[in-house]
Amino acid sequence: MAPGPLSSRVADLCQEVGHRLGGAAQTQVHDVRRRHGEPLRVAIAGRLKAGKSTLVNALIGRRVAPTEVGECTRIVTQFRYGTSDRVDVVRRNGTRASLPLDEAGMIPQQLDVPWAEIGYVDVTLTSDHLRDLTVVGTPGLASANASVSAQARRFLFSEAPIDDDLDDASASALSGSEAIIYVFTQSVREDDVQALEAFRSMSARLSSNPINSVGLFNKVDKLAGSGTDPWPVAAPLASDQAKVLRRVISDVVPVVGLLAETTEAGRLTAADCEALRELARLPQSERAVLLASVDLFTTRECSVSREARERLLRLLDLYGISFAIAQLVGNQHLATGELVRMLFQASGFPRLRQVLDSAFRWRSDAIKAGWALSSLEKIASHAERPYDRELLRDAIERVLQQPEYHRLRLLEVAQLVTTGAVDLPDQMENELTRLALSNDPAWILDLPAAAPEQLVRAALDAATRWRAYAVAGASPSQSRVALVAHRGFYLLSQRMRGQARVS
């Protein structure tokens, strides 16, 4: 994900003034610029056995995180891009113990460090998926009380209480995530809501507000009967769940995590596809019996070996197998690559990629810029030389006057509205949320097919509407929010006009 306009401006500021500062201030500003350029950090949270590790693997594009419950699934694990594959067990005292990936290319189940001494596991991989995204896998929340482990707290929220025995280096590494994906299965339970509320209450930072949290409704293939298309049920159910959780998350995305992992990690081999082709050539009545249940699929006599069928179940489960066979029956000459692409589409995972690439990208721009500006202000307040203090403060003030800075204010007021601290009519809340989440005028204004001139008029109409609401009938808190939205839509119209003149 390329840096957004505000992030780029703050990075330029650091570059511009950094070399003119002296001593510690110069080092600190260069460090801010370095951390500011790090990829978006997304934490995967949820209850035990919700399929978090499977989704981590899908996001990474490799099967690296163990999906069976074991020692390493009880520990926070960070996955980031590196020039070589490496697993470091980071102890609470800051020292590291390096381990190789196991023979299957996964994190070893045994970490060879006493569990009580482990702070977190730091995994670097050559996966291109991690060039713009750092993925943080967290331990499952206890089903009884939805408690969030101290480890997960440290990684998810940098301002949450940190254990006294955690050293400064580890605490620095465990900086807050900019987005949270909360994984659940079937219907939302009360302790799921409690867990999401706990995430929200742990930090007042922008990075933990509900519009930075997405719900992932996993294993939707279990909603329907064997081999039945689950999407007619999953889509409206996810919509209902999004309404229930609207105060703690921005959206609910339904997925079949196993299909996403298998296709994204390239686990389906030519032999697997040939086994599927052989199954597709069976008489329809025989296929129907095989696909009626897992037991029948693995135990019934068939021209495809039991071992091959058991492997297909591990990779695709009955829904994925049924879907693949249906495609092959319809097109006997379907290429393997095209079949894998269709399975990926059937997983529902492309929508999550879209959310990460669009909404989270723009939120990350503002959040990273807000963090960097706050850090620069602290450096300025502690700088020894008066010249350094004035230089930094002047540079910060120039950034604050930029129209792009208004995105930070939009996120702040959107947080007030989505958490219920300020009440707005539903339509206005949705409009404000879209304005805060994205930089795409057509999506913000809910006019996907509109011409540029129509979008400019719609943005100006929205600005006028919010201004009228602010001065007529709104409470003081609503008025403050409405004035921020008014300026946001006005700036949006100006930007679109500027783009039209350039083109």
Protein backbone atom coordinates (compact mmCIF):
# COMPACT_ATOMS: atom_id res chain seq x y z
CA MET A 1 0.00 0.00 0.00
CA ALA A 2 1.54 3.29 -1.09
CA PRO A 3 1.87 6.06 1.51
CA GLY A 4 -1.12 8.40 1.67
CA PRO A 5 -0.86 12.16 1.16
CA LEU A 6 -0.71 13.04 4.84
CA SER A 7 1.84 10.33 5.66
CA SER A 8 4.00 11.51 2.78
CA ARG A 9 3.83 15.10 3.97
CA VAL A 10 4.91 14.17 7.51
CA ALA A 11 7.71 11.99 6.16
CA ASP A 12 8.89 14.95 4.05
CA LEU A 13 8.81 17.11 7.17
CA CYS A 14 11.08 14.68 9.01
CA GLN A 15 13.45 14.59 6.06
CA GLU A 16 13.40 18.37 5.72
CA VAL A 17 14.22 19.29 9.31
CA GLY A 18 15.98 16.15 10.56
CA HIS A 19 19.47 17.03 9.31
CA ARG A 20 19.18 20.59 10.71
CA LEU A 21 18.61 19.38 14.26
CA GLY A 22 21.31 18.53 16.75
CA GLY A 23 22.09 15.68 19.12
CA ALA A 24 19.27 13.53 20.45
CA ALA A 25 16.53 15.47 18.61
CA GLN A 26 18.03 14.57 15.24
CA THR A 27 18.24 10.87 16.14
CA GLN A 28 14.67 10.86 17.46
CA VAL A 29 13.23 12.54 14.34
CA HIS A 30 15.03 10.08 12.07
CA ASP A 31 13.58 7.25 14.18
CA VAL A 32 10.07 8.71 13.79
CA ARG A 33 10.53 8.79 10.02
CA ARG A 34 11.72 5.18 9.99
CA ARG A 35 8.80 3.89 12.07
CA HIS A 36 6.38 6.07 10.12
CA GLY A 37 7.29 4.19 6.96
CA GLU A 38 6.56 0.74 8.33
CA PRO A 39 3.71 -1.28 6.78
CA LEU A 40 0.15 -1.27 8.07
CA ARG A 41 -0.13 -3.51 11.12
CA VAL A 42 -3.27 -5.67 11.31
CA ALA A 43 -4.04 -7.81 14.36
CA ILE A 44 -6.13 -10.99 14.07
CA ALA A 45 -8.17 -11.56 17.21
CA GLY A 46 -11.05 -13.81 18.21
CA ARG A 47 -12.14 -16.75 20.31
CA LEU A 48 -10.43 -20.12 20.45
CA LYS A 49 -10.81 -22.32 17.34
CA ALA A 50 -12.41 -19.55 15.29
CA GLY A 51 -9.92 -20.16 12.48
CA LYS A 52 -7.55 -17.25 13.20
CA SER A 53 -4.38 -19.10 12.15
CA THR A 54 -5.99 -20.24 8.90
CA LEU A 55 -6.81 -16.63 8.08
CA VAL A 56 -3.32 -15.49 9.08
CA ASN A 57 -1.93 -17.96 6.55
CA ALA A 58 -4.31 -16.68 3.88
CA LEU A 59 -3.22 -13.09 4.51
CA ILE A 60 0.45 -14.08 4.40
CA GLY A 61 0.02 -16.23 1.30
CA ARG A 62 1.89 -19.15 2.90
CA ARG A 63 0.98 -21.86 5.38
CA VAL A 64 3.33 -20.84 8.19
CA ALA A 65 1.12 -20.43 11.29
CA PRO A 66 0.15 -23.80 12.83
CA THR A 67 -3.59 -24.32 12.78
CA GLU A 68 -3.64 -27.02 15.46
CA VAL A 69 -3.74 -25.91 19.09
CA GLY A 70 -0.20 -25.98 20.50
CA GLU A 71 2.41 -23.96 22.34
CA CYS A 72 2.90 -21.35 19.63
CA THR A 73 -0.84 -20.68 19.24
CA ARG A 74 -0.89 -19.38 22.85
CA ILE A 75 1.66 -16.68 22.06
CA VAL A 76 1.43 -13.40 20.15
CA THR A 77 3.18 -13.87 16.80
CA GLN A 78 4.19 -11.08 14.44
CA PHE A 79 4.63 -11.82 10.72
CA ARG A 80 6.56 -9.24 8.70
CA TYR A 81 8.52 -9.01 5.49
CA GLY A 82 12.20 -9.92 5.45
CA THR A 83 14.90 -10.89 2.99
CA SER A 84 15.03 -14.40 4.45
CA ASP A 85 12.72 -16.72 6.39
CA ARG A 86 13.45 -16.51 10.10
CA VAL A 87 11.74 -17.26 13.41
CA ASP A 88 12.90 -15.36 16.50
CA VAL A 89 11.48 -16.15 19.93
CA VAL A 90 11.79 -12.81 21.74
CA ARG A 91 12.19 -13.24 25.48
CA ARG A 92 10.79 -10.77 27.98
CA ASN A 93 14.33 -9.57 28.72
CA GLY A 94 14.78 -8.62 25.06
CA THR A 95 17.11 -11.47 24.02
CA ARG A 96 16.26 -13.60 21.01
CA ALA A 97 16.45 -17.29 20.25
CA SER A 98 16.44 -18.07 16.52
CA LEU A 99 14.75 -21.17 15.13
CA PRO A 100 14.36 -22.53 11.60
CA LEU A 101 10.96 -23.26 10.12
CA ASP A 102 10.10 -26.95 10.37
CA GLU A 103 10.17 -29.40 7.44
CA ALA A 104 6.70 -28.31 6.36
CA GLY A 105 7.77 -24.65 6.31
CA MET A 106 5.80 -23.80 9.45
CA ILE A 107 6.65 -22.34 12.85
CA PRO A 108 7.84 -25.22 15.06
CA GLN A 109 5.27 -26.38 17.59
CA GLN A 110 7.99 -26.48 20.28
CA LEU A 111 9.80 -23.16 20.69
CA ASP A 112 12.62 -24.40 22.99
CA VAL A 113 12.15 -21.44 25.35
CA PRO A 114 10.18 -21.68 28.61
CA TRP A 115 6.70 -20.35 27.95
CA ALA A 116 6.81 -17.91 30.89
CA GLU A 117 9.94 -16.26 29.44
CA ILE A 118 8.48 -15.58 25.99
CA GLY A 119 7.39 -12.06 25.12
CA TYR A 120 6.35 -12.77 21.54
CA VAL A 121 7.46 -14.56 18.37
CA ASP A 122 8.86 -12.45 15.53
CA VAL A 123 8.62 -14.14 12.10
CA THR A 124 10.16 -12.62 8.98
CA LEU A 125 9.22 -14.09 5.61
CA THR A 126 10.00 -13.39 1.97
CA SER A 127 6.28 -13.35 1.12
CA ASP A 128 5.30 -10.44 -1.13
CA HIS A 129 1.99 -10.24 0.75
CA LEU A 130 3.95 -8.83 3.71
CA ARG A 131 5.67 -6.01 1.86
CA ASP A 132 2.79 -3.66 2.70
CA LEU A 133 1.21 -5.50 5.62
CA THR A 134 2.40 -6.76 8.99
CA VAL A 135 0.08 -9.43 10.42
CA VAL A 136 -0.19 -10.03 14.17
CA GLY A 137 -1.68 -13.32 15.32
CA THR A 138 -3.05 -13.24 18.87
CA PRO A 139 -3.98 -16.03 21.30
CA GLY A 140 -7.62 -17.04 21.37
CA LEU A 141 -9.88 -15.26 23.79
CA ALA A 142 -11.11 -17.47 26.60
CA SER A 143 -14.62 -18.57 25.73
CA ALA A 144 -15.82 -18.35 29.32
CA ASN A 145 -15.19 -14.64 29.91
CA ALA A 146 -13.73 -13.28 26.65
CA SER A 147 -10.67 -12.12 28.54
CA VAL A 148 -7.86 -10.64 26.51
CA SER A 149 -4.43 -11.95 27.42
CA ALA A 150 -1.79 -9.55 28.66
CA GLN A 151 0.33 -10.50 25.65
CA ALA A 152 -2.42 -9.63 23.21
CA ARG A 153 -3.03 -6.36 25.06
CA ARG A 154 0.60 -5.33 24.71
CA PHE A 155 0.60 -6.03 21.00
CA LEU A 156 -2.81 -4.60 20.16
CA PHE A 157 -2.65 -1.41 22.21
CA SER A 158 0.63 0.30 22.97
CA GLU A 159 -0.96 2.46 25.66
CA ALA A 160 -2.50 -0.49 27.55
CA PRO A 161 -0.83 -1.50 30.82
CA ILE A 162 2.41 -3.36 30.24
CA ASP A 163 3.81 -5.89 32.69
CA ASP A 164 6.67 -4.56 34.79
CA ASP A 165 8.95 -7.41 33.71
CA LEU A 166 8.73 -6.46 30.03
CA ASP A 167 11.85 -4.57 28.96
CA ASP A 168 11.80 -1.32 26.97
CA ALA A 169 12.97 -2.99 23.76
CA SER A 170 10.15 -5.52 23.84
CA ALA A 171 7.61 -2.85 24.77
CA SER A 172 8.78 -0.79 21.79
CA ALA A 173 8.42 -3.79 19.47
CA LEU A 174 4.88 -4.39 20.76
CA SER A 175 3.48 -1.17 19.34
CA GLY A 176 -0.23 -0.79 18.71
CA SER A 177 -1.92 -2.24 15.68
CA GLU A 178 -3.59 0.13 13.24
CA ALA A 179 -6.41 -2.26 12.43
CA ILE A 180 -8.08 -5.23 14.05
CA ILE A 181 -9.81 -8.14 12.34
CA TYR A 182 -12.05 -9.95 14.82
CA VAL A 183 -12.84 -13.53 13.80
CA PHE A 184 -15.98 -15.36 14.87
CA THR A 185 -18.09 -18.26 13.63
CA GLN A 186 -21.85 -18.82 13.46
CA SER A 187 -23.89 -16.19 15.29
CA VAL A 188 -22.34 -13.45 17.41
CA ARG A 189 -22.29 -14.37 21.08
CA GLU A 190 -22.49 -12.09 24.06
CA ASP A 191 -18.84 -12.67 24.96
CA ASP A 192 -17.81 -11.77 21.40
CA VAL A 193 -19.42 -8.37 21.94
CA GLN A 194 -17.75 -8.12 25.36
CA ALA A 195 -14.37 -8.90 23.81
CA LEU A 196 -14.80 -6.22 21.15
CA GLU A 197 -15.90 -3.75 23.81
CA ALA A 198 -12.75 -4.68 25.76
CA PHE A 199 -10.59 -3.95 22.72
CA ARG A 200 -12.25 -0.58 22.35
CA SER A 201 -11.98 0.40 26.00
CA MET A 202 -8.31 -0.54 26.29
CA SER A 203 -7.08 2.45 24.38
CA ALA A 204 -8.16 5.94 23.47
CA ARG A 205 -5.89 5.92 20.42
CA LEU A 206 -7.33 6.30 16.94
CA SER A 207 -6.00 2.84 16.14
CA SER A 208 -8.50 1.13 18.41
CA ASN A 209 -11.72 2.84 17.44
CA PRO A 210 -14.54 0.77 15.88
CA ILE A 211 -14.05 2.08 12.35
CA ASN A 212 -10.64 0.43 12.45
CA SER A 213 -12.13 -2.94 13.33
CA VAL A 214 -13.64 -5.44 10.89
CA GLY A 215 -15.55 -8.57 11.81
CA LEU A 216 -14.69 -11.73 9.90
CA PHE A 217 -17.55 -14.24 9.85
CA ASN A 218 -15.51 -17.41 9.26
CA LYS A 219 -16.48 -20.96 8.26
CA VAL A 220 -19.69 -19.87 6.57
CA ASP A 221 -19.62 -23.13 4.60
CA LYS A 222 -20.82 -24.80 7.82
CA LEU A 223 -24.11 -22.88 7.62
CA ALA A 224 -25.60 -25.06 4.89
CA GLY A 225 -25.83 -28.78 4.35
CA SER A 226 -23.06 -30.85 2.78
CA GLY A 227 -22.00 -29.30 -0.50
CA THR A 228 -24.80 -26.71 -0.44
CA ASP A 229 -24.04 -23.12 -1.46
CA PRO A 230 -23.79 -21.19 1.86
CA TRP A 231 -23.77 -17.67 0.41
CA PRO A 232 -27.54 -17.10 0.17
CA VAL A 233 -27.57 -17.60 3.96
CA ALA A 234 -24.18 -16.07 4.82
CA ALA A 235 -24.64 -12.69 3.13
CA PRO A 236 -27.87 -11.58 4.90
CA LEU A 237 -26.67 -13.09 8.19
CA ALA A 238 -23.42 -11.11 7.98
CA SER A 239 -25.45 -7.97 7.27
CA ASP A 240 -27.56 -8.61 10.37
CA GLN A 241 -24.43 -9.17 12.45
CA ALA A 242 -22.91 -5.92 11.19
CA LYS A 243 -25.99 -4.09 12.47
CA VAL A 244 -25.70 -5.75 15.89
CA LEU A 245 -22.00 -4.89 16.12
CA ARG A 246 -22.15 -1.43 14.53
CA ARG A 247 -20.83 0.25 17.68
CA VAL A 248 -17.71 -1.90 17.84
CA ILE A 249 -16.82 -2.76 14.21
CA SER A 250 -17.25 -1.13 10.81
CA ASP A 251 -18.37 -4.18 8.81
CA VAL A 252 -18.70 -7.96 8.79
CA VAL A 253 -17.07 -9.92 5.96
CA PRO A 254 -18.20 -13.55 5.51
CA VAL A 255 -15.46 -15.98 4.40
CA VAL A 256 -14.56 -19.63 4.04
CA GLY A 257 -11.14 -19.41 5.65
CA LEU A 258 -9.96 -22.89 4.65
CA LEU A 259 -10.54 -22.17 0.95
CA ALA A 260 -8.76 -18.85 1.31
CA GLU A 261 -5.72 -20.47 2.95
CA THR A 262 -5.55 -23.32 0.41
CA THR A 263 -5.75 -21.07 -2.63
CA GLU A 264 -3.63 -18.16 -1.37
CA ALA A 265 -0.91 -20.46 -0.03
CA GLY A 266 -0.80 -22.49 -3.25
CA ARG A 267 -1.53 -25.78 -1.50
CA LEU A 268 -3.65 -27.37 -4.24
CA THR A 269 -1.33 -29.55 -6.36
CA ALA A 270 -1.70 -30.98 -9.84
CA ALA A 271 -2.40 -34.37 -8.24
CA ASP A 272 -5.20 -32.84 -6.14
CA CYS A 273 -6.78 -31.31 -9.25
CA GLU A 274 -6.53 -34.63 -11.09
CA ALA A 275 -8.32 -36.32 -8.18
CA LEU A 276 -11.08 -33.71 -8.45
CA ARG A 277 -11.32 -34.31 -12.20
CA GLU A 278 -11.66 -38.06 -11.57
CA LEU A 279 -14.46 -37.41 -9.08
CA ALA A 280 -16.19 -35.14 -11.60
CA ARG A 281 -16.20 -38.00 -14.14
CA LEU A 282 -18.18 -40.28 -11.79
CA PRO A 283 -21.93 -40.72 -12.37
CA GLN A 284 -23.99 -37.97 -10.76
CA SER A 285 -25.73 -40.42 -8.41
CA GLU A 286 -22.38 -41.71 -7.12
CA ARG A 287 -21.08 -38.17 -6.58
CA ALA A 288 -24.22 -37.30 -4.62
CA VAL A 289 -23.67 -40.20 -2.22
CA LEU A 290 -19.98 -39.39 -1.75
CA LEU A 291 -20.68 -35.74 -0.99
CA ALA A 292 -23.52 -36.47 1.44
CA SER A 293 -21.17 -36.55 4.46
CA VAL A 294 -17.51 -36.58 5.46
CA ASP A 295 -17.73 -40.24 6.52
CA LEU A 296 -19.20 -41.33 3.18
CA PHE A 297 -16.66 -39.28 1.25
CA THR A 298 -13.72 -40.97 2.96
CA THR A 299 -15.01 -44.54 3.46
CA ARG A 300 -17.10 -45.35 0.39
CA GLU A 301 -15.47 -47.39 -2.40
CA CYS A 302 -14.29 -45.09 -5.16
CA SER A 303 -11.76 -44.93 -8.00
CA VAL A 304 -9.98 -42.09 -6.18
CA SER A 305 -7.86 -43.39 -3.30
CA ARG A 306 -8.93 -42.80 0.27
CA GLU A 307 -5.66 -40.95 0.99
CA ALA A 308 -6.31 -38.54 -1.89
CA ARG A 309 -9.86 -37.91 -0.70
CA GLU A 310 -8.73 -37.32 2.88
CA ARG A 311 -6.21 -34.77 1.61
CA LEU A 312 -8.91 -33.00 -0.40
CA LEU A 313 -11.02 -32.75 2.76
CA ARG A 314 -8.10 -31.17 4.64
CA LEU A 315 -7.61 -28.67 1.84
CA LEU A 316 -11.17 -27.86 0.76
CA ASP A 317 -13.71 -29.56 3.03
CA LEU A 318 -16.95 -30.77 1.48
CA TYR A 319 -18.10 -27.37 0.28
CA GLY A 320 -14.86 -26.67 -1.60
CA ILE A 321 -14.82 -30.17 -3.07
CA SER A 322 -18.45 -29.88 -4.19
CA PHE A 323 -17.80 -26.45 -5.69
CA ALA A 324 -14.72 -27.63 -7.58
CA ILE A 325 -16.48 -30.74 -8.92
CA ALA A 326 -19.43 -28.63 -10.10
CA GLN A 327 -17.07 -26.37 -12.07
CA LEU A 328 -15.30 -29.36 -13.64
CA VAL A 329 -18.58 -31.06 -14.55
CA GLY A 330 -19.64 -27.84 -16.28
CA ASN A 331 -16.30 -27.46 -18.09
CA GLN A 332 -14.20 -30.61 -18.50
CA HIS A 333 -11.32 -28.58 -19.97
CA LEU A 334 -11.11 -26.07 -17.11
CA ALA A 335 -7.45 -25.20 -16.48
CA THR A 336 -6.01 -25.81 -13.02
CA GLY A 337 -5.12 -22.14 -12.56
CA GLU A 338 -8.65 -21.07 -13.44
CA LEU A 339 -10.12 -23.62 -11.00
CA VAL A 340 -7.93 -22.27 -8.20
CA ARG A 341 -9.02 -18.72 -9.07
CA MET A 342 -12.68 -19.74 -8.90
CA LEU A 343 -12.14 -21.44 -5.53
CA PHE A 344 -10.48 -18.27 -4.24
CA GLN A 345 -13.50 -16.23 -5.35
CA ALA A 346 -15.79 -18.77 -3.66
CA SER A 347 -13.91 -18.27 -0.37
CA GLY A 348 -15.15 -14.68 -0.05
CA PHE A 349 -11.58 -13.60 0.69
CA PRO A 350 -11.25 -11.06 -2.16
CA ARG A 351 -13.62 -8.76 -0.31
CA LEU A 352 -11.37 -8.75 2.75
CA ARG A 353 -8.41 -7.90 0.51
CA GLN A 354 -10.48 -5.03 -0.86
CA VAL A 355 -11.25 -3.75 2.64
CA LEU A 356 -7.58 -3.85 3.61
CA ASP A 357 -6.52 -2.19 0.37
CA SER A 358 -9.08 0.61 0.41
CA ALA A 359 -10.58 1.56 3.75
CA PHE A 360 -7.72 0.48 6.01
CA ARG A 361 -5.16 2.08 3.73
CA TRP A 362 -6.66 5.54 4.11
CA ARG A 363 -7.25 5.16 7.82
CA SER A 364 -3.65 4.07 8.19
CA ASP A 365 -2.51 7.23 6.42
CA ALA A 366 -4.19 9.46 8.99
CA ILE A 367 -3.34 7.30 11.98
CA LYS A 368 0.34 7.04 11.12
CA ALA A 369 0.47 10.79 10.49
CA GLY A 370 -1.27 11.51 13.81
CA TRP A 371 1.15 9.26 15.68
CA ALA A 372 4.15 10.88 13.96
CA LEU A 373 2.98 14.45 14.63
CA SER A 374 2.34 13.61 18.28
CA SER A 375 5.84 12.13 18.54
CA LEU A 376 7.39 15.19 16.91
CA GLU A 377 5.56 17.48 19.34
CA LYS A 378 7.00 15.50 22.25
CA ILE A 379 10.49 15.71 20.76
CA ALA A 380 10.07 19.47 20.36
CA SER A 381 8.96 19.90 23.96
CA HIS A 382 12.04 18.02 25.25
CA ALA A 383 14.65 19.36 22.81
CA GLU A 384 17.63 20.94 24.59
CA ARG A 385 18.36 23.67 22.04
CA PRO A 386 15.79 26.49 21.59
CA TYR A 387 16.61 26.46 17.87
CA ASP A 388 15.56 22.82 17.61
CA ARG A 389 12.31 23.46 19.48
CA GLU A 390 11.32 26.36 17.22
CA LEU A 391 12.35 24.55 14.03
CA LEU A 392 10.21 21.52 14.86
CA ARG A 393 7.19 23.53 16.00
CA ASP A 394 7.22 25.71 12.88
CA ALA A 395 7.41 22.60 10.68
CA ILE A 396 4.55 20.91 12.57
CA GLU A 397 2.40 24.03 12.25
CA ARG A 398 2.88 24.05 8.47
CA VAL A 399 1.60 20.46 8.29
CA LEU A 400 -1.41 21.22 10.51
CA GLN A 401 -2.48 23.94 8.09
CA GLN A 402 -2.58 21.49 5.17
CA PRO A 403 -6.08 20.44 4.00
CA GLU A 404 -5.01 16.78 4.21
CA TYR A 405 -4.66 17.12 8.00
CA HIS A 406 -8.45 17.35 8.20
CA ARG A 407 -8.56 13.57 7.80
CA LEU A 408 -7.33 13.24 11.39
CA ARG A 409 -10.21 15.37 12.63
CA LEU A 410 -12.64 13.28 10.56
CA LEU A 411 -11.38 10.10 12.20
CA GLU A 412 -11.69 11.68 15.64
CA VAL A 413 -15.34 12.72 15.17
CA ALA A 414 -16.20 9.46 13.42
CA GLN A 415 -14.92 7.66 16.50
CA LEU A 416 -17.23 9.74 18.68
CA VAL A 417 -20.20 8.83 16.51
CA THR A 418 -19.47 5.13 15.98
CA THR A 419 -18.94 4.57 19.71
CA GLY A 420 -22.23 6.31 20.52
CA ALA A 421 -20.64 9.22 22.36
CA VAL A 422 -22.40 11.55 19.91
CA ASP A 423 -25.75 10.58 18.41
CA LEU A 424 -26.50 11.23 14.74
CA PRO A 425 -29.29 10.02 12.45
CA ASP A 426 -28.30 6.71 10.84
CA GLN A 427 -28.00 8.17 7.33
CA MET A 428 -25.70 10.95 8.52
CA GLU A 429 -23.62 8.51 10.58
CA ASN A 430 -23.11 6.30 7.53
CA GLU A 431 -22.18 9.31 5.40
CA LEU A 432 -19.65 10.53 7.95
CA THR A 433 -18.14 7.07 8.31
CA ARG A 434 -17.65 6.76 4.54
CA LEU A 435 -16.00 10.19 4.47
CA ALA A 436 -13.59 9.18 7.25
CA LEU A 437 -12.81 5.74 5.83
CA SER A 438 -11.95 6.44 2.23
CA ASN A 439 -10.42 8.79 -0.29
CA ASP A 440 -12.66 7.59 -3.15
CA PRO A 441 -15.31 10.27 -3.92
CA ALA A 442 -17.67 7.83 -5.65
CA TRP A 443 -17.68 5.48 -2.62
CA ILE A 444 -17.92 8.33 -0.10
CA LEU A 445 -20.91 9.87 -1.88
CA ASP A 446 -22.48 6.48 -2.68
CA LEU A 447 -22.59 7.33 -6.40
CA PRO A 448 -20.53 4.57 -8.06
CA ALA A 449 -21.44 5.47 -11.66
CA ALA A 450 -21.53 9.27 -11.36
CA ALA A 451 -19.59 11.64 -13.62
CA PRO A 452 -16.97 13.95 -12.01
CA GLU A 453 -19.24 17.02 -12.30
CA GLN A 454 -22.06 15.17 -10.55
CA LEU A 455 -19.69 14.12 -7.74
CA VAL A 456 -18.58 17.73 -7.24
CA ARG A 457 -22.20 18.87 -6.94
CA ALA A 458 -23.02 16.00 -4.56
CA ALA A 459 -20.03 16.90 -2.32
CA LEU A 460 -21.12 20.56 -2.20
CA ASP A 461 -24.70 19.52 -1.45
CA ALA A 462 -23.43 17.34 1.40
CA ALA A 463 -21.31 20.20 2.75
CA THR A 464 -24.35 22.49 2.70
CA ARG A 465 -26.53 19.86 4.35
CA TRP A 466 -24.05 19.32 7.20
CA ARG A 467 -23.62 23.08 7.68
CA ALA A 468 -27.40 23.52 7.95
CA TYR A 469 -27.59 20.70 10.48
CA ALA A 470 -24.81 22.28 12.55
CA VAL A 471 -26.60 25.64 12.93
CA ALA A 472 -30.21 24.46 13.12
CA GLY A 473 -31.37 21.97 15.71
CA ALA A 474 -28.12 20.18 16.55
CA SER A 475 -26.80 19.89 20.09
CA PRO A 476 -23.38 21.46 20.81
CA SER A 477 -21.61 18.11 20.43
CA GLN A 478 -23.52 17.29 17.24
CA SER A 479 -22.73 20.74 15.88
CA ARG A 480 -18.98 20.25 16.41
CA VAL A 481 -19.13 16.95 14.53
CA ALA A 482 -21.26 18.45 11.75
CA LEU A 483 -18.86 21.36 11.18
CA VAL A 484 -15.96 18.91 10.77
CA ALA A 485 -18.03 16.92 8.25
CA HIS A 486 -19.01 20.16 6.47
CA ARG A 487 -15.37 21.11 5.94
CA GLY A 488 -14.52 17.55 4.91
CA PHE A 489 -17.09 17.54 2.10
CA TYR A 490 -16.09 21.05 1.03
CA LEU A 491 -12.44 20.00 0.79
CA LEU A 492 -13.52 16.90 -1.15
CA SER A 493 -15.30 19.09 -3.71
CA GLN A 494 -12.23 21.32 -4.03
CA ARG A 495 -9.96 18.33 -4.59
CA MET A 496 -12.21 16.93 -7.31
CA ARG A 497 -12.36 20.33 -9.04
CA GLY A 498 -8.57 20.55 -8.93
CA GLN A 499 -8.24 17.10 -10.45
CA ALA A 500 -10.72 18.03 -13.21
CA ARG A 501 -8.69 21.13 -14.11
CA VAL A 502 -5.46 19.11 -14.29
CA SER A 503 -7.02 16.46 -16.54
